[in-house]
PDB file of all heavy atoms in Angstrom:
ATOM      1  N   THR A   1       5.740  -8.372  -0.039  1.00  0.00           N
ATOM      2  CA  THR A   1       5.833  -9.793  -0.373  1.00  0.00           C
ATOM      3  C   THR A   1       6.290 -10.635   0.826  1.00  0.00           C
ATOM      4  O   THR A   1       6.488 -11.833   0.675  1.00  0.00           O
ATOM      5  CB  THR A   1       6.821  -9.999  -1.532  1.00  0.00           C
ATOM      6  OG1 THR A   1       8.141  -9.574  -1.139  1.00  0.00           O
ATOM      7  CG2 THR A   1       6.396  -9.179  -2.750  1.00  0.00           C
ATOM      8  N   ARG A   2       6.448 -10.008   1.995  1.00  0.00           N
ATOM      9  CA  ARG A   2       6.902 -10.726   3.180  1.00  0.00           C
ATOM     10  C   ARG A   2       5.773 -10.850   4.194  1.00  0.00           C
ATOM     11  O   ARG A   2       4.812 -10.085   4.178  1.00  0.00           O
ATOM     12  CB  ARG A   2       8.088  -9.997   3.830  1.00  0.00           C
ATOM     13  CG  ARG A   2       9.283  -9.818   2.911  1.00  0.00           C
ATOM     14  CD  ARG A   2      10.395  -9.094   3.639  1.00  0.00           C
ATOM     15  NE  ARG A   2      11.480  -8.723   2.745  1.00  0.00           N
ATOM     16  CZ  ARG A   2      12.174  -7.614   2.836  1.00  0.00           C
ATOM     17  NH1 ARG A   2      11.870  -6.733   3.794  1.00  0.00           N
ATOM     18  NH2 ARG A   2      13.161  -7.358   1.993  1.00  0.00           N
ATOM     19  N   GLU A   3       5.913 -11.812   5.087  1.00  0.00           N
ATOM     20  CA  GLU A   3       4.936 -12.003   6.157  1.00  0.00           C
ATOM     21  C   GLU A   3       4.982 -10.812   7.118  1.00  0.00           C
ATOM     22  O   GLU A   3       6.048 -10.308   7.456  1.00  0.00           O
ATOM     23  CB  GLU A   3       5.238 -13.289   6.919  1.00  0.00           C
ATOM     24  CG  GLU A   3       5.111 -14.552   6.075  1.00  0.00           C
ATOM     25  CD  GLU A   3       3.664 -14.949   5.850  1.00  0.00           C
ATOM     26  OE1 GLU A   3       2.786 -14.376   6.545  1.00  0.00           O
ATOM     27  OE2 GLU A   3       3.398 -15.794   4.980  1.00  0.00           O
ATOM     28  N   ASP A   4       3.787 -10.367   7.526  1.00  0.00           N
ATOM     29  CA  ASP A   4       3.681  -9.270   8.483  1.00  0.00           C
ATOM     30  C   ASP A   4       2.404  -9.480   9.291  1.00  0.00           C
ATOM     31  O   ASP A   4       1.306  -9.140   8.829  1.00  0.00           O
ATOM     32  CB  ASP A   4       3.657  -7.923   7.769  1.00  0.00           C
ATOM     33  CG  ASP A   4       3.686  -6.749   8.743  1.00  0.00           C
ATOM     34  OD1 ASP A   4       3.669  -6.992   9.964  1.00  0.00           O
ATOM     35  OD2 ASP A   4       3.733  -5.590   8.274  1.00  0.00           O
ATOM     36  N   PRO A   5       2.501 -10.024  10.497  1.00  0.00           N
ATOM     37  CA  PRO A   5       1.294 -10.314  11.291  1.00  0.00           C
ATOM     38  C   PRO A   5       0.474  -9.070  11.623  1.00  0.00           C
ATOM     39  O   PRO A   5      -0.734  -9.185  11.900  1.00  0.00           O
ATOM     40  CB  PRO A   5       1.866 -10.947  12.566  1.00  0.00           C
ATOM     41  CG  PRO A   5       3.230 -11.432  12.196  1.00  0.00           C
ATOM     42  CD  PRO A   5       3.735 -10.479  11.159  1.00  0.00           C
ATOM     43  N   ALA A   6       1.082  -7.899  11.570  1.00  0.00           N
ATOM     44  CA  ALA A   6       0.363  -6.677  11.938  1.00  0.00           C
ATOM     45  C   ALA A   6      -0.370  -6.041  10.764  1.00  0.00           C
ATOM     46  O   ALA A   6      -1.055  -5.027  10.942  1.00  0.00           O
ATOM     47  CB  ALA A   6       1.337  -5.665  12.533  1.00  0.00           C
ATOM     48  N   ALA A   7      -0.242  -6.592   9.573  1.00  0.00           N
ATOM     49  CA  ALA A   7      -0.841  -5.987   8.379  1.00  0.00           C
ATOM     50  C   ALA A   7      -1.833  -6.952   7.752  1.00  0.00           C
ATOM     51  O   ALA A   7      -1.482  -8.090   7.431  1.00  0.00           O
ATOM     52  CB  ALA A   7       0.246  -5.619   7.367  1.00  0.00           C
ATOM     53  N   ASP A   8      -3.092  -6.496   7.588  1.00  0.00           N
ATOM     54  CA  ASP A   8      -4.075  -7.315   6.899  1.00  0.00           C
ATOM     55  C   ASP A   8      -4.123  -6.905   5.424  1.00  0.00           C
ATOM     56  O   ASP A   8      -3.302  -6.111   4.954  1.00  0.00           O
ATOM     57  CB  ASP A   8      -5.445  -7.195   7.568  1.00  0.00           C
ATOM     58  CG  ASP A   8      -5.973  -5.759   7.563  1.00  0.00           C
ATOM     59  OD1 ASP A   8      -5.361  -4.895   6.900  1.00  0.00           O
ATOM     60  OD2 ASP A   8      -6.991  -5.500   8.223  1.00  0.00           O
ATOM     61  N   SER A   9      -5.088  -7.446   4.690  1.00  0.00           N
ATOM     62  CA  SER A   9      -5.122  -7.203   3.246  1.00  0.00           C
ATOM     63  C   SER A   9      -5.373  -5.726   2.929  1.00  0.00           C
ATOM     64  O   SER A   9      -4.829  -5.191   1.962  1.00  0.00           O
ATOM     65  CB  SER A   9      -6.199  -8.069   2.605  1.00  0.00           C
ATOM     66  OG  SER A   9      -7.469  -7.821   3.192  1.00  0.00           O
ATOM     67  N   ARG A  10      -6.179  -5.046   3.755  1.00  0.00           N
ATOM     68  CA  ARG A  10      -6.419  -3.631   3.504  1.00  0.00           C
ATOM     69  C   ARG A  10      -5.148  -2.824   3.732  1.00  0.00           C
ATOM     70  O   ARG A  10      -4.851  -1.898   2.960  1.00  0.00           O
ATOM     71  CB  ARG A  10      -7.542  -3.109   4.393  1.00  0.00           C
ATOM     72  CG  ARG A  10      -7.861  -1.649   4.113  1.00  0.00           C
ATOM     73  CD  ARG A  10      -8.962  -1.103   4.995  1.00  0.00           C
ATOM     74  NE  ARG A  10      -9.277   0.267   4.653  1.00  0.00           N
ATOM     75  CZ  ARG A  10     -10.147   1.016   5.298  1.00  0.00           C
ATOM     76  NH1 ARG A  10     -10.801   0.527   6.346  1.00  0.00           N
ATOM     77  NH2 ARG A  10     -10.369   2.252   4.919  1.00  0.00           N
ATOM     78  N   ASP A  11      -4.397  -3.150   4.767  1.00  0.00           N
ATOM     79  CA  ASP A  11      -3.131  -2.455   5.002  1.00  0.00           C
ATOM     80  C   ASP A  11      -2.186  -2.636   3.825  1.00  0.00           C
ATOM     81  O   ASP A  11      -1.451  -1.713   3.455  1.00  0.00           O
ATOM     82  CB  ASP A  11      -2.477  -2.975   6.281  1.00  0.00           C
ATOM     83  CG  ASP A  11      -3.293  -2.647   7.519  1.00  0.00           C
ATOM     84  OD1 ASP A  11      -3.976  -1.614   7.510  1.00  0.00           O
ATOM     85  OD2 ASP A  11      -3.248  -3.443   8.487  1.00  0.00           O
ATOM     86  N   ARG A  12      -2.221  -3.816   3.224  1.00  0.00           N
ATOM     87  CA  ARG A  12      -1.359  -4.064   2.058  1.00  0.00           C
ATOM     88  C   ARG A  12      -1.760  -3.159   0.891  1.00  0.00           C
ATOM     89  O   ARG A  12      -0.898  -2.582   0.217  1.00  0.00           O
ATOM     90  CB  ARG A  12      -1.487  -5.530   1.638  1.00  0.00           C
ATOM     91  CG  ARG A  12      -1.094  -6.535   2.710  1.00  0.00           C
ATOM     92  CD  ARG A  12       0.390  -6.553   2.965  1.00  0.00           C
ATOM     93  NE  ARG A  12       0.801  -7.760   3.681  1.00  0.00           N
ATOM     94  CZ  ARG A  12       2.058  -8.060   3.967  1.00  0.00           C
ATOM     95  NH1 ARG A  12       3.031  -7.241   3.604  1.00  0.00           N
ATOM     96  NH2 ARG A  12       2.346  -9.171   4.627  1.00  0.00           N
ATOM     97  N   LEU A  13      -3.064  -3.038   0.646  1.00  0.00           N
ATOM     98  CA  LEU A  13      -3.515  -2.180  -0.451  1.00  0.00           C
ATOM     99  C   LEU A  13      -3.206  -0.710  -0.194  1.00  0.00           C
ATOM    100  O   LEU A  13      -2.835   0.027  -1.105  1.00  0.00           O
ATOM    101  CB  LEU A  13      -5.010  -2.367  -0.677  1.00  0.00           C
ATOM    102  CG  LEU A  13      -5.455  -3.605  -1.442  1.00  0.00           C
ATOM    103  CD1 LEU A  13      -6.968  -3.613  -1.603  1.00  0.00           C
ATOM    104  CD2 LEU A  13      -4.781  -3.692  -2.808  1.00  0.00           C
ATOM    105  N   LEU A  14      -3.368  -0.280   1.052  1.00  0.00           N
ATOM    106  CA  LEU A  14      -3.059   1.114   1.377  1.00  0.00           C
ATOM    107  C   LEU A  14      -1.572   1.392   1.192  1.00  0.00           C
ATOM    108  O   LEU A  14      -1.184   2.474   0.723  1.00  0.00           O
ATOM    109  CB  LEU A  14      -3.490   1.422   2.809  1.00  0.00           C
ATOM    110  CG  LEU A  14      -4.998   1.439   3.061  1.00  0.00           C
ATOM    111  CD1 LEU A  14      -5.292   1.632   4.542  1.00  0.00           C
ATOM    112  CD2 LEU A  14      -5.666   2.545   2.249  1.00  0.00           C
ATOM    113  N   ALA A  15      -0.734   0.432   1.557  1.00  0.00           N
ATOM    114  CA  ALA A  15       0.706   0.592   1.344  1.00  0.00           C
ATOM    115  C   ALA A  15       1.024   0.643  -0.145  1.00  0.00           C
ATOM    116  O   ALA A  15       1.887   1.420  -0.583  1.00  0.00           O
ATOM    117  CB  ALA A  15       1.459  -0.548   2.023  1.00  0.00           C
ATOM    118  N   LEU A  16       0.328  -0.186  -0.928  1.00  0.00           N
ATOM    119  CA  LEU A  16       0.545  -0.157  -2.373  1.00  0.00           C
ATOM    120  C   LEU A  16       0.099   1.178  -2.956  1.00  0.00           C
ATOM    121  O   LEU A  16       0.783   1.745  -3.818  1.00  0.00           O
ATOM    122  CB  LEU A  16      -0.220  -1.304  -3.035  1.00  0.00           C
ATOM    123  CG  LEU A  16      -0.100  -1.400  -4.551  1.00  0.00           C
ATOM    124  CD1 LEU A  16       1.333  -1.736  -4.951  1.00  0.00           C
ATOM    125  CD2 LEU A  16      -1.060  -2.448  -5.108  1.00  0.00           C
ATOM    126  N   ALA A  17      -1.037   1.705  -2.493  1.00  0.00           N
ATOM    127  CA  ALA A  17      -1.505   3.002  -2.977  1.00  0.00           C
ATOM    128  C   ALA A  17      -0.510   4.111  -2.638  1.00  0.00           C
ATOM    129  O   ALA A  17      -0.278   5.022  -3.443  1.00  0.00           O
ATOM    130  CB  ALA A  17      -2.880   3.310  -2.386  1.00  0.00           C
ATOM    131  N   ALA A  18       0.070   4.060  -1.447  1.00  0.00           N
ATOM    132  CA  ALA A  18       1.082   5.042  -1.077  1.00  0.00           C
ATOM    133  C   ALA A  18       2.319   4.907  -1.959  1.00  0.00           C
ATOM    134  O   ALA A  18       2.938   5.910  -2.357  1.00  0.00           O
ATOM    135  CB  ALA A  18       1.456   4.876   0.392  1.00  0.00           C
ATOM    136  N   TYR A  19       2.664   3.670  -2.300  1.00  0.00           N
ATOM    137  CA  TYR A  19       3.809   3.437  -3.175  1.00  0.00           C
ATOM    138  C   TYR A  19       3.564   4.025  -4.572  1.00  0.00           C
ATOM    139  O   TYR A  19       4.496   4.522  -5.212  1.00  0.00           O
ATOM    140  CB  TYR A  19       4.083   1.938  -3.274  1.00  0.00           C
ATOM    141  CG  TYR A  19       5.146   1.557  -4.270  1.00  0.00           C
ATOM    142  CD1 TYR A  19       6.498   1.587  -3.924  1.00  0.00           C
ATOM    143  CD2 TYR A  19       4.805   1.173  -5.566  1.00  0.00           C
ATOM    144  CE1 TYR A  19       7.478   1.242  -4.848  1.00  0.00           C
ATOM    145  CE2 TYR A  19       5.777   0.831  -6.492  1.00  0.00           C
ATOM    146  CZ  TYR A  19       7.109   0.861  -6.125  1.00  0.00           C
ATOM    147  OH  TYR A  19       8.077   0.526  -7.032  1.00  0.00           O
ATOM    148  N   LEU A  20       2.325   3.981  -5.036  1.00  0.00           N
ATOM    149  CA  LEU A  20       2.021   4.469  -6.374  1.00  0.00           C
ATOM    150  C   LEU A  20       2.233   5.970  -6.519  1.00  0.00           C
ATOM    151  O   LEU A  20       2.270   6.486  -7.635  1.00  0.00           O
ATOM    152  CB  LEU A  20       0.569   4.126  -6.726  1.00  0.00           C
ATOM    153  CG  LEU A  20       0.278   2.637  -6.955  1.00  0.00           C
ATOM    154  CD1 LEU A  20      -1.216   2.416  -7.125  1.00  0.00           C
ATOM    155  CD2 LEU A  20       1.044   2.119  -8.157  1.00  0.00           C
ATOM    156  N   SER A  21       2.377   6.683  -5.408  1.00  0.00           N
ATOM    157  CA  SER A  21       2.685   8.114  -5.501  1.00  0.00           C
ATOM    158  C   SER A  21       4.027   8.342  -6.180  1.00  0.00           C
ATOM    159  O   SER A  21       4.265   9.413  -6.737  1.00  0.00           O
ATOM    160  CB  SER A  21       2.677   8.740  -4.104  1.00  0.00           C
ATOM    161  OG  SER A  21       3.684   8.158  -3.290  1.00  0.00           O
ATOM    162  N   ARG A  22       4.904   7.337  -6.139  1.00  0.00           N
ATOM    163  CA  ARG A  22       6.181   7.459  -6.842  1.00  0.00           C
ATOM    164  C   ARG A  22       5.980   7.543  -8.351  1.00  0.00           C
ATOM    165  O   ARG A  22       6.831   8.063  -9.067  1.00  0.00           O
ATOM    166  CB  ARG A  22       7.077   6.265  -6.514  1.00  0.00           C
ATOM    167  CG  ARG A  22       7.456   6.149  -5.043  1.00  0.00           C
ATOM    168  CD  ARG A  22       8.127   4.822  -4.762  1.00  0.00           C
ATOM    169  NE  ARG A  22       8.500   4.689  -3.359  1.00  0.00           N
ATOM    170  CZ  ARG A  22       9.750   4.720  -2.899  1.00  0.00           C
ATOM    171  NH1 ARG A  22      10.752   4.863  -3.745  1.00  0.00           N
ATOM    172  NH2 ARG A  22      10.002   4.589  -1.615  1.00  0.00           N
ATOM    173  N   ALA A  23       4.859   6.988  -8.828  1.00  0.00           N
ATOM    174  CA  ALA A  23       4.553   7.041 -10.254  1.00  0.00           C
ATOM    175  C   ALA A  23       3.646   8.213 -10.598  1.00  0.00           C
ATOM    176  O   ALA A  23       3.260   8.370 -11.760  1.00  0.00           O
ATOM    177  CB  ALA A  23       3.899   5.734 -10.695  1.00  0.00           C
ATOM    178  N   GLY A  24       3.281   9.035  -9.601  1.00  0.00           N
ATOM    179  CA  GLY A  24       2.455  10.208  -9.852  1.00  0.00           C
ATOM    180  C   GLY A  24       1.001  10.077  -9.470  1.00  0.00           C
ATOM    181  O   GLY A  24       0.229  11.006  -9.681  1.00  0.00           O
ATOM    182  N   VAL A  25       0.593   8.935  -8.900  1.00  0.00           N
ATOM    183  CA  VAL A  25      -0.807   8.745  -8.524  1.00  0.00           C
ATOM    184  C   VAL A  25      -1.119   9.549  -7.266  1.00  0.00           C
ATOM    185  O   VAL A  25      -0.386   9.465  -6.269  1.00  0.00           O
ATOM    186  CB  VAL A  25      -1.119   7.251  -8.290  1.00  0.00           C
ATOM    187  CG1 VAL A  25      -2.555   7.080  -7.805  1.00  0.00           C
ATOM    188  CG2 VAL A  25      -0.891   6.464  -9.567  1.00  0.00           C
ATOM    189  N   VAL A  26      -2.193  10.317  -7.308  1.00  0.00           N
ATOM    190  CA  VAL A  26      -2.671  11.069  -6.151  1.00  0.00           C
ATOM    191  C   VAL A  26      -4.172  10.798  -6.041  1.00  0.00           C
ATOM    192  O   VAL A  26      -4.989  11.452  -6.691  1.00  0.00           O
ATOM    193  CB  VAL A  26      -2.399  12.579  -6.280  1.00  0.00           C
ATOM    194  CG1 VAL A  26      -2.877  13.305  -5.027  1.00  0.00           C
ATOM    195  CG2 VAL A  26      -0.926  12.852  -6.530  1.00  0.00           C
ATOM    196  N   LEU A  27      -4.533   9.823  -5.219  1.00  0.00           N
ATOM    197  CA  LEU A  27      -5.940   9.494  -5.047  1.00  0.00           C
ATOM    198  C   LEU A  27      -6.640  10.596  -4.255  1.00  0.00           C
ATOM    199  O   LEU A  27      -6.089  11.106  -3.280  1.00  0.00           O
ATOM    200  CB  LEU A  27      -6.095   8.162  -4.330  1.00  0.00           C
ATOM    201  CG  LEU A  27      -5.838   6.908  -5.170  1.00  0.00           C
ATOM    202  CD1 LEU A  27      -5.875   5.669  -4.285  1.00  0.00           C
ATOM    203  CD2 LEU A  27      -6.860   6.784  -6.288  1.00  0.00           C
ATOM    204  N   PRO A  28      -7.856  10.982  -4.656  1.00  0.00           N
ATOM    205  CA  PRO A  28      -8.602  11.988  -3.887  1.00  0.00           C
ATOM    206  C   PRO A  28      -8.835  11.532  -2.450  1.00  0.00           C
ATOM    207  O   PRO A  28      -8.895  10.327  -2.164  1.00  0.00           O
ATOM    208  CB  PRO A  28      -9.920  12.106  -4.658  1.00  0.00           C
ATOM    209  CG  PRO A  28      -9.610  11.632  -6.037  1.00  0.00           C
ATOM    210  CD  PRO A  28      -8.571  10.567  -5.878  1.00  0.00           C
TER     211      PRO A  28
END
């Protein structure tokens, strides 16, 4: 939710996907 000049929208989604591993998500 903070500004990050080094991260574009895809980087944000990839970070969110990595975060979802805490809930048990394991994407192929």
